[in-house]
Amino acid sequence: MGEPQSYFVLTAVGPDRPGLVNEISSRLREAGANLEGSRMAILGGEFAIILLLAAPAAAVERVRSASGSIESAVKLRCILKETTASTTPREHLLYRLRVTGADRPGIVQIVTGVLAGRGINVQSLESRITHAPLSGTALFVMEAELQVPKGLKVTALRAELTRRCEDEDLDVTLESAS
């Protein structure tokens, strides 16, 4: 069995420019960290990144130091937090959710309220605004991966989501990702 690993989540945000991903990943590799998972996006004019890192005990201090060097040299605001190894709970089923409609405040809150009320964990969620081709109307698109408890009646969840989304003039799809 390999050397015990320490795990970290690194979040960083700052002005976007070409080469940031390469600079960050190079500094972390040089420190001895392995990048096990990532989410990256440009939001407005800012680049945002979330990384799951693993490092052997001998590299932990170098990883902490690399976080500081990313902040100073790469000019991103960083937070490094120790965490645990990823685990896959076996008490849930994976589902994909997609919600679309005319953009307005509160859509994410309405949908996640239904999910939270049923004990559903949001594994990942992305939302964006697009524009209708002819009218230019702002359209909201939300896509999520959900961890649905195995004992939950998915037909009842689908019915509640459909009702809530119809009340808000939104389209919704929920499908198994397993």
C-alpha atoms as a PDB file:
ATOM      1  CA  MET A   1       0.000   0.000   0.000  1.00  0.00           C
ATOM      2  CA  GLY A   2       1.224   3.532  -0.802  1.00  0.00           C
ATOM      3  CA  GLU A   3       2.251   6.275   1.549  1.00  0.00           C
ATOM      4  CA  PRO A   4      -0.607   7.880   3.528  1.00  0.00           C
ATOM      5  CA  GLN A   5      -1.992  10.972   1.824  1.00  0.00           C
ATOM      6  CA  SER A   6      -3.197  14.303   3.139  1.00  0.00           C
ATOM      7  CA  TYR A   7      -6.032  15.967   1.225  1.00  0.00           C
ATOM      8  CA  PHE A   8      -6.695  19.648   0.625  1.00  0.00           C
ATOM      9  CA  VAL A   9      -9.236  21.813  -1.123  1.00  0.00           C
ATOM     10  CA  LEU A  10      -7.664  24.868  -2.714  1.00  0.00           C
ATOM     11  CA  THR A  11      -9.935  27.680  -3.843  1.00  0.00           C
ATOM     12  CA  ALA A  12      -8.533  30.633  -5.719  1.00  0.00           C
ATOM     13  CA  VAL A  13     -10.035  33.655  -7.458  1.00  0.00           C
ATOM     14  CA  GLY A  14      -8.630  36.661  -9.226  1.00  0.00           C
ATOM     15  CA  PRO A  15      -8.390  38.534 -12.503  1.00  0.00           C
ATOM     16  CA  ASP A  16      -8.506  36.231 -15.510  1.00  0.00           C
ATOM     17  CA  ARG A  17      -5.619  35.933 -17.936  1.00  0.00           C
ATOM     18  CA  PRO A  18      -4.149  33.223 -20.166  1.00  0.00           C
ATOM     19  CA  GLY A  19      -1.790  30.748 -18.491  1.00  0.00           C
ATOM     20  CA  LEU A  20      -3.273  30.707 -14.993  1.00  0.00           C
ATOM     21  CA  VAL A  21      -4.159  27.008 -15.009  1.00  0.00           C
ATOM     22  CA  ASN A  22      -0.656  26.098 -16.140  1.00  0.00           C
ATOM     23  CA  GLU A  23       0.992  28.309 -13.494  1.00  0.00           C
ATOM     24  CA  ILE A  24      -1.186  26.935 -10.684  1.00  0.00           C
ATOM     25  CA  SER A  25      -0.841  23.291 -11.701  1.00  0.00           C
ATOM     26  CA  SER A  26       2.948  23.679 -12.162  1.00  0.00           C
ATOM     27  CA  ARG A  27       3.430  25.155  -8.672  1.00  0.00           C
ATOM     28  CA  LEU A  28       1.313  22.414  -7.091  1.00  0.00           C
ATOM     29  CA  ARG A  29       3.119  19.645  -8.975  1.00  0.00           C
ATOM     30  CA  GLU A  30       6.501  21.073  -7.939  1.00  0.00           C
ATOM     31  CA  ALA A  31       5.271  21.009  -4.331  1.00  0.00           C
ATOM     32  CA  GLY A  32       4.465  17.297  -4.643  1.00  0.00           C
ATOM     33  CA  ALA A  33       0.679  17.550  -4.826  1.00  0.00           C
ATOM     34  CA  ASN A  34      -1.522  15.467  -7.090  1.00  0.00           C
ATOM     35  CA  LEU A  35      -4.573  17.213  -8.541  1.00  0.00           C
ATOM     36  CA  GLU A  36      -7.467  14.747  -8.000  1.00  0.00           C
ATOM     37  CA  GLY A  37     -10.424  16.909  -8.956  1.00  0.00           C
ATOM     38  CA  SER A  38     -11.126  20.400 -10.239  1.00  0.00           C
ATOM     39  CA  ARG A  39     -13.735  22.959 -11.183  1.00  0.00           C
ATOM     40  CA  MET A  40     -12.694  26.079 -13.057  1.00  0.00           C
ATOM     41  CA  ALA A  41     -14.656  28.930 -14.581  1.00  0.00           C
ATOM     42  CA  ILE A  42     -14.472  32.519 -15.682  1.00  0.00           C
ATOM     43  CA  LEU A  43     -17.168  34.450 -13.824  1.00  0.00           C
ATOM     44  CA  GLY A  44     -17.417  38.045 -14.969  1.00  0.00           C
ATOM     45  CA  GLY A  45     -13.797  39.103 -15.393  1.00  0.00           C
ATOM     46  CA  GLU A  46     -12.592  36.799 -12.614  1.00  0.00           C
ATOM     47  CA  PHE A  47     -11.090  33.337 -12.860  1.00  0.00           C
ATOM     48  CA  ALA A  48     -12.279  30.960 -10.142  1.00  0.00           C
ATOM     49  CA  ILE A  49     -10.812  27.545  -9.404  1.00  0.00           C
ATOM     50  CA  ILE A  50     -11.551  24.812  -6.870  1.00  0.00           C
ATOM     51  CA  LEU A  51      -9.107  21.912  -6.608  1.00  0.00           C
ATOM     52  CA  LEU A  52      -8.944  18.684  -4.633  1.00  0.00           C
ATOM     53  CA  LEU A  53      -5.289  17.913  -3.928  1.00  0.00           C
ATOM     54  CA  ALA A  54      -3.573  14.864  -2.443  1.00  0.00           C
ATOM     55  CA  ALA A  55      -0.050  14.976  -1.078  1.00  0.00           C
ATOM     56  CA  PRO A  56       2.161  12.575   0.855  1.00  0.00           C
ATOM     57  CA  ALA A  57       3.018  13.626   4.401  1.00  0.00           C
ATOM     58  CA  ALA A  58       6.483  14.757   3.312  1.00  0.00           C
ATOM     59  CA  ALA A  59       4.956  17.300   0.892  1.00  0.00           C
ATOM     60  CA  VAL A  60       2.287  18.859   3.130  1.00  0.00           C
ATOM     61  CA  GLU A  61       4.342  21.921   4.085  1.00  0.00           C
ATOM     62  CA  ARG A  62       5.406  22.434   0.469  1.00  0.00           C
ATOM     63  CA  VAL A  63       1.738  22.392  -0.589  1.00  0.00           C
ATOM     64  CA  ARG A  64       0.907  25.007   2.042  1.00  0.00           C
ATOM     65  CA  SER A  65       3.823  27.112   0.823  1.00  0.00           C
ATOM     66  CA  ALA A  66       2.717  26.691  -2.825  1.00  0.00           C
ATOM     67  CA  SER A  67      -0.691  28.095  -1.890  1.00  0.00           C
ATOM     68  CA  GLY A  68       1.036  31.226  -0.602  1.00  0.00           C
ATOM     69  CA  SER A  69       3.187  31.517  -3.716  1.00  0.00           C
ATOM     70  CA  ILE A  70       0.112  31.218  -5.933  1.00  0.00           C
ATOM     71  CA  GLU A  71      -1.437  34.074  -4.010  1.00  0.00           C
ATOM     72  CA  SER A  72       1.608  36.334  -4.265  1.00  0.00           C
ATOM     73  CA  ALA A  73       3.144  35.406  -7.634  1.00  0.00           C
ATOM     74  CA  VAL A  74       0.020  34.499  -9.622  1.00  0.00           C
ATOM     75  CA  LYS A  75      -2.101  37.234  -8.013  1.00  0.00           C
ATOM     76  CA  LEU A  76      -5.042  35.053  -7.031  1.00  0.00           C
ATOM     77  CA  ARG A  77      -6.692  35.105  -3.622  1.00  0.00           C
ATOM     78  CA  CYS A  78      -6.277  31.590  -2.184  1.00  0.00           C
ATOM     79  CA  ILE A  79      -7.769  29.527   0.587  1.00  0.00           C
ATOM     80  CA  LEU A  80      -6.272  26.119   1.399  1.00  0.00           C
ATOM     81  CA  LYS A  81      -8.318  23.836   3.632  1.00  0.00           C
ATOM     82  CA  GLU A  82      -7.432  20.366   4.808  1.00  0.00           C
ATOM     83  CA  THR A  83     -10.115  17.765   4.052  1.00  0.00           C
ATOM     84  CA  THR A  84     -10.551  13.989   3.827  1.00  0.00           C
ATOM     85  CA  ALA A  85     -10.321  11.577   0.925  1.00  0.00           C
ATOM     86  CA  SER A  86     -13.281  11.449  -1.421  1.00  0.00           C
ATOM     87  CA  THR A  87     -15.835   8.825  -0.536  1.00  0.00           C
ATOM     88  CA  THR A  88     -18.783   7.649  -2.554  1.00  0.00           C
ATOM     89  CA  PRO A  89     -21.812   7.149  -0.334  1.00  0.00           C
ATOM     90  CA  ARG A  90     -23.700   4.032  -1.321  1.00  0.00           C
ATOM     91  CA  GLU A  91     -27.010   5.198   0.150  1.00  0.00           C
ATOM     92  CA  HIS A  92     -27.890   7.368  -2.823  1.00  0.00           C
ATOM     93  CA  LEU A  93     -28.621   7.310  -6.546  1.00  0.00           C
ATOM     94  CA  LEU A  94     -27.200   9.835  -8.984  1.00  0.00           C
ATOM     95  CA  TYR A  95     -29.570  12.035 -10.993  1.00  0.00           C
ATOM     96  CA  ARG A  96     -29.149  14.918 -13.428  1.00  0.00           C
ATOM     97  CA  LEU A  97     -31.407  17.940 -13.196  1.00  0.00           C
ATOM     98  CA  ARG A  98     -31.845  20.662 -15.823  1.00  0.00           C
ATOM     99  CA  VAL A  99     -33.989  23.770 -15.368  1.00  0.00           C
ATOM    100  CA  THR A 100     -34.463  26.455 -18.034  1.00  0.00           C
ATOM    101  CA  GLY A 101     -36.622  29.540 -18.422  1.00  0.00           C
ATOM    102  CA  ALA A 102     -36.722  33.315 -18.530  1.00  0.00           C
ATOM    103  CA  ASP A 103     -34.097  34.680 -16.152  1.00  0.00           C
ATOM    104  CA  ARG A 104     -35.150  36.279 -12.875  1.00  0.00           C
ATOM    105  CA  PRO A 105     -33.983  36.238  -9.251  1.00  0.00           C
ATOM    106  CA  GLY A 106     -34.870  33.243  -7.089  1.00  0.00           C
ATOM    107  CA  ILE A 107     -34.807  30.304  -9.512  1.00  0.00           C
ATOM    108  CA  VAL A 108     -31.905  28.505  -7.795  1.00  0.00           C
ATOM    109  CA  GLN A 109     -33.503  29.047  -4.382  1.00  0.00           C
ATOM    110  CA  ILE A 110     -36.872  27.664  -5.517  1.00  0.00           C
ATOM    111  CA  VAL A 111     -35.382  24.500  -7.006  1.00  0.00           C
ATOM    112  CA  THR A 112     -32.864  23.858  -4.230  1.00  0.00           C
ATOM    113  CA  GLY A 113     -35.616  24.400  -1.662  1.00  0.00           C
ATOM    114  CA  VAL A 114     -37.454  21.394  -3.114  1.00  0.00           C
ATOM    115  CA  LEU A 115     -34.244  19.350  -3.064  1.00  0.00           C
ATOM    116  CA  ALA A 116     -33.254  20.299   0.488  1.00  0.00           C
ATOM    117  CA  GLY A 117     -36.771  19.529   1.712  1.00  0.00           C
ATOM    118  CA  ARG A 118     -36.321  15.948   0.532  1.00  0.00           C
ATOM    119  CA  GLY A 119     -32.783  15.454   1.872  1.00  0.00           C
ATOM    120  CA  ILE A 120     -31.170  15.523  -1.574  1.00  0.00           C
ATOM    121  CA  ASN A 121     -27.515  16.525  -1.752  1.00  0.00           C
ATOM    122  CA  VAL A 122     -26.380  18.745  -4.632  1.00  0.00           C
ATOM    123  CA  GLN A 123     -23.129  17.167  -5.835  1.00  0.00           C
ATOM    124  CA  SER A 124     -22.488  19.862  -8.437  1.00  0.00           C
ATOM    125  CA  LEU A 125     -24.449  22.777  -9.869  1.00  0.00           C
ATOM    126  CA  GLU A 126     -23.777  25.115 -12.769  1.00  0.00           C
ATOM    127  CA  SER A 127     -25.935  27.976 -13.922  1.00  0.00           C
ATOM    128  CA  ARG A 128     -25.562  30.518 -16.694  1.00  0.00           C
ATOM    129  CA  ILE A 129     -27.449  33.097 -18.658  1.00  0.00           C
ATOM    130  CA  THR A 130     -27.821  32.667 -22.404  1.00  0.00           C
ATOM    131  CA  HIS A 131     -29.791  34.811 -24.811  1.00  0.00           C
ATOM    132  CA  ALA A 132     -32.618  33.720 -27.095  1.00  0.00           C
ATOM    133  CA  PRO A 133     -31.456  33.855 -30.737  1.00  0.00           C
ATOM    134  CA  LEU A 134     -34.102  36.196 -32.161  1.00  0.00           C
ATOM    135  CA  SER A 135     -35.420  38.198 -29.234  1.00  0.00           C
ATOM    136  CA  GLY A 136     -32.235  38.419 -27.147  1.00  0.00           C
ATOM    137  CA  THR A 137     -34.301  37.552 -24.053  1.00  0.00           C
ATOM    138  CA  ALA A 138     -32.124  36.451 -21.109  1.00  0.00           C
ATOM    139  CA  LEU A 139     -32.623  32.724 -20.531  1.00  0.00           C
ATOM    140  CA  PHE A 140     -31.533  30.987 -17.344  1.00  0.00           C
ATOM    141  CA  VAL A 141     -30.001  27.490 -17.563  1.00  0.00           C
ATOM    142  CA  MET A 142     -29.218  25.407 -14.480  1.00  0.00           C
ATOM    143  CA  GLU A 143     -27.690  21.938 -14.574  1.00  0.00           C
ATOM    144  CA  ALA A 144     -27.051  19.900 -11.455  1.00  0.00           C
ATOM    145  CA  GLU A 145     -25.900  16.465 -10.407  1.00  0.00           C
ATOM    146  CA  LEU A 146     -27.834  15.193  -7.424  1.00  0.00           C
ATOM    147  CA  GLN A 147     -27.347  12.510  -4.785  1.00  0.00           C
ATOM    148  CA  VAL A 148     -30.876  11.205  -4.195  1.00  0.00           C
ATOM    149  CA  PRO A 149     -31.392   8.973  -1.140  1.00  0.00           C
ATOM    150  CA  LYS A 150     -32.193   5.408  -2.259  1.00  0.00           C
ATOM    151  CA  GLY A 151     -35.449   5.258  -0.290  1.00  0.00           C
ATOM    152  CA  LEU A 152     -36.861   8.451  -1.813  1.00  0.00           C
ATOM    153  CA  LYS A 153     -39.773   8.139  -4.261  1.00  0.00           C
ATOM    154  CA  VAL A 154     -38.361   9.715  -7.424  1.00  0.00           C
ATOM    155  CA  THR A 155     -41.830   9.963  -8.999  1.00  0.00           C
ATOM    156  CA  ALA A 156     -42.939  12.177  -6.092  1.00  0.00           C
ATOM    157  CA  LEU A 157     -39.773  14.289  -6.429  1.00  0.00           C
ATOM    158  CA  ARG A 158     -40.310  14.643 -10.175  1.00  0.00           C
ATOM    159  CA  ALA A 159     -43.956  15.640  -9.608  1.00  0.00           C
ATOM    160  CA  GLU A 160     -43.041  18.293  -7.012  1.00  0.00           C
ATOM    161  CA  LEU A 161     -40.262  19.732  -9.194  1.00  0.00           C
ATOM    162  CA  THR A 162     -42.600  19.812 -12.193  1.00  0.00           C
ATOM    163  CA  ARG A 163     -45.329  21.563 -10.203  1.00  0.00           C
ATOM    164  CA  ARG A 164     -42.968  24.165  -8.731  1.00  0.00           C
ATOM    165  CA  CYS A 165     -41.320  24.812 -12.094  1.00  0.00           C
ATOM    166  CA  GLU A 166     -44.654  25.076 -13.902  1.00  0.00           C
ATOM    167  CA  ASP A 167     -45.758  27.637 -11.284  1.00  0.00           C
ATOM    168  CA  GLU A 168     -42.643  29.649 -12.210  1.00  0.00           C
ATOM    169  CA  ASP A 169     -42.942  29.065 -16.004  1.00  0.00           C
ATOM    170  CA  LEU A 170     -39.741  26.983 -16.051  1.00  0.00           C
ATOM    171  CA  ASP A 171     -38.928  23.770 -17.904  1.00  0.00           C
ATOM    172  CA  VAL A 172     -37.423  20.933 -15.860  1.00  0.00           C
ATOM    173  CA  THR A 173     -35.956  17.511 -16.609  1.00  0.00           C
ATOM    174  CA  LEU A 174     -34.777  14.947 -14.074  1.00  0.00           C
ATOM    175  CA  GLU A 175     -33.070  11.777 -15.256  1.00  0.00           C
ATOM    176  CA  SER A 176     -30.987   9.002 -13.786  1.00  0.00           C
ATOM    177  CA  ALA A 177     -27.234   9.446 -14.168  1.00  0.00           C
ATOM    178  CA  SER A 178     -26.454   5.873 -13.053  1.00  0.00           C
END
